[in-house]
Amino acid sequence: MNLEILTPDQKVFSGEVLSVNLPGTHGAFEVLQGHAPIVSNLTKGNVVIRTTTKDQKNVTITGGIVEVLNNKVIILADAVKQD
């Protein structure tokens, strides 16, 4: 599935991933291939990305929203800090 992480200033990440774990306002949740469509608020926390090469990448966000539709995940983050 395709993941994009965007802030008002930049494109932080764009690429194919196996999964992404997100800090939802009602608890963390994971998105995998074939996930049902969803729009959700995000809170401050870590976005954990597992790439197609099975590497793990962490991005800390200060909040935002996520949209999942047709195996595409778009995170609109307020701001990020990459590890």
C-alpha atoms as a PDB file:
ATOM      1  CA  MET A   1       0.000   0.000   0.000  1.00  0.00           C
ATOM      2  CA  ASN A   2       1.134   3.580  -0.547  1.00  0.00           C
ATOM      3  CA  LEU A   3       1.855   5.969   2.342  1.00  0.00           C
ATOM      4  CA  GLU A   4       2.337   9.731   2.253  1.00  0.00           C
ATOM      5  CA  ILE A   5       3.144  11.868   5.282  1.00  0.00           C
ATOM      6  CA  LEU A   6       2.703  15.567   4.661  1.00  0.00           C
ATOM      7  CA  THR A   7       3.096  18.711   6.779  1.00  0.00           C
ATOM      8  CA  PRO A   8       2.212  22.260   5.737  1.00  0.00           C
ATOM      9  CA  ASP A   9       5.903  22.734   4.839  1.00  0.00           C
ATOM     10  CA  GLN A  10       7.058  19.481   3.290  1.00  0.00           C
ATOM     11  CA  LYS A  11       6.497  15.932   2.118  1.00  0.00           C
ATOM     12  CA  VAL A  12       8.078  13.858   4.891  1.00  0.00           C
ATOM     13  CA  PHE A  13       7.591  10.370   3.453  1.00  0.00           C
ATOM     14  CA  SER A  14       6.222   8.847   0.284  1.00  0.00           C
ATOM     15  CA  GLY A  15       6.449   5.195  -0.671  1.00  0.00           C
ATOM     16  CA  GLU A  16       5.195   1.650  -0.514  1.00  0.00           C
ATOM     17  CA  VAL A  17       4.813   0.128   2.949  1.00  0.00           C
ATOM     18  CA  LEU A  18       3.638  -3.119   4.532  1.00  0.00           C
ATOM     19  CA  SER A  19       2.008  -1.449   7.556  1.00  0.00           C
ATOM     20  CA  VAL A  20       1.735   1.772   9.506  1.00  0.00           C
ATOM     21  CA  ASN A  21       0.930   2.116  13.212  1.00  0.00           C
ATOM     22  CA  LEU A  22      -0.762   5.399  14.134  1.00  0.00           C
ATOM     23  CA  PRO A  23      -1.443   7.315  17.372  1.00  0.00           C
ATOM     24  CA  GLY A  24      -5.220   7.765  17.223  1.00  0.00           C
ATOM     25  CA  THR A  25      -7.008  10.026  19.682  1.00  0.00           C
ATOM     26  CA  HIS A  26      -8.775   6.955  21.129  1.00  0.00           C
ATOM     27  CA  GLY A  27      -5.698   4.721  21.062  1.00  0.00           C
ATOM     28  CA  ALA A  28      -3.103   3.441  18.643  1.00  0.00           C
ATOM     29  CA  PHE A  29      -4.185   1.469  15.578  1.00  0.00           C
ATOM     30  CA  GLU A  30      -2.508  -0.280  12.663  1.00  0.00           C
ATOM     31  CA  VAL A  31      -3.301  -0.030   8.968  1.00  0.00           C
ATOM     32  CA  LEU A  32      -2.506  -2.963   6.672  1.00  0.00           C
ATOM     33  CA  GLN A  33      -3.146  -3.694   3.003  1.00  0.00           C
ATOM     34  CA  GLY A  34      -6.888  -3.850   2.332  1.00  0.00           C
ATOM     35  CA  HIS A  35      -7.898  -1.751   5.370  1.00  0.00           C
ATOM     36  CA  ALA A  36     -11.435  -0.358   5.292  1.00  0.00           C
ATOM     37  CA  PRO A  37     -11.780   3.325   4.354  1.00  0.00           C
ATOM     38  CA  ILE A  38     -11.351   5.601   7.370  1.00  0.00           C
ATOM     39  CA  VAL A  39     -10.704   9.216   8.316  1.00  0.00           C
ATOM     40  CA  SER A  40      -9.382   9.712  11.858  1.00  0.00           C
ATOM     41  CA  ASN A  41      -7.846  12.355  14.091  1.00  0.00           C
ATOM     42  CA  LEU A  42      -4.304  11.722  15.271  1.00  0.00           C
ATOM     43  CA  THR A  43      -2.697  12.823  18.506  1.00  0.00           C
ATOM     44  CA  LYS A  44       0.913  13.484  19.444  1.00  0.00           C
ATOM     45  CA  GLY A  45       2.936  10.293  19.187  1.00  0.00           C
ATOM     46  CA  ASN A  46       4.955   7.952  17.013  1.00  0.00           C
ATOM     47  CA  VAL A  47       4.014   6.791  13.539  1.00  0.00           C
ATOM     48  CA  VAL A  48       5.744   3.439  13.034  1.00  0.00           C
ATOM     49  CA  ILE A  49       6.256   2.522   9.387  1.00  0.00           C
ATOM     50  CA  ARG A  50       7.244  -0.954   8.222  1.00  0.00           C
ATOM     51  CA  THR A  51       8.582  -0.655   4.694  1.00  0.00           C
ATOM     52  CA  THR A  52       8.425  -3.279   1.970  1.00  0.00           C
ATOM     53  CA  THR A  53      12.073  -4.116   2.732  1.00  0.00           C
ATOM     54  CA  LYS A  54      10.922  -4.837   6.317  1.00  0.00           C
ATOM     55  CA  ASP A  55      12.872  -1.881   7.697  1.00  0.00           C
ATOM     56  CA  GLN A  56      11.198   0.133  10.431  1.00  0.00           C
ATOM     57  CA  LYS A  57      11.005   3.925  10.343  1.00  0.00           C
ATOM     58  CA  ASN A  58       9.672   6.109  13.161  1.00  0.00           C
ATOM     59  CA  VAL A  59       8.222   9.580  12.717  1.00  0.00           C
ATOM     60  CA  THR A  60       6.997  11.579  15.712  1.00  0.00           C
ATOM     61  CA  ILE A  61       4.007  13.806  14.955  1.00  0.00           C
ATOM     62  CA  THR A  62       2.410  16.552  17.031  1.00  0.00           C
ATOM     63  CA  GLY A  63      -1.091  15.675  15.774  1.00  0.00           C
ATOM     64  CA  GLY A  64      -3.046  15.661  12.549  1.00  0.00           C
ATOM     65  CA  ILE A  65      -5.458  13.547  10.535  1.00  0.00           C
ATOM     66  CA  VAL A  66      -5.214  10.380   8.464  1.00  0.00           C
ATOM     67  CA  GLU A  67      -7.241   9.167   5.491  1.00  0.00           C
ATOM     68  CA  VAL A  68      -7.170   5.539   4.335  1.00  0.00           C
ATOM     69  CA  LEU A  69      -8.796   4.778   0.982  1.00  0.00           C
ATOM     70  CA  ASN A  70      -8.079   2.158  -1.688  1.00  0.00           C
ATOM     71  CA  ASN A  71      -4.745   1.043  -0.178  1.00  0.00           C
ATOM     72  CA  LYS A  72      -3.486   4.616   0.051  1.00  0.00           C
ATOM     73  CA  VAL A  73      -2.753   6.203   3.436  1.00  0.00           C
ATOM     74  CA  ILE A  74      -2.367   9.986   3.637  1.00  0.00           C
ATOM     75  CA  ILE A  75      -1.255  11.540   6.927  1.00  0.00           C
ATOM     76  CA  LEU A  76      -1.643  15.299   7.208  1.00  0.00           C
ATOM     77  CA  ALA A  77       0.530  16.070  10.222  1.00  0.00           C
ATOM     78  CA  ASP A  78       0.735  19.400  12.044  1.00  0.00           C
ATOM     79  CA  ALA A  79       4.510  18.950  12.452  1.00  0.00           C
ATOM     80  CA  VAL A  80       6.983  16.052  12.593  1.00  0.00           C
ATOM     81  CA  LYS A  81      10.270  15.059  14.158  1.00  0.00           C
ATOM     82  CA  GLN A  82      12.059  12.184  12.414  1.00  0.00           C
ATOM     83  CA  ASP A  83      14.137   9.650  14.366  1.00  0.00           C
END
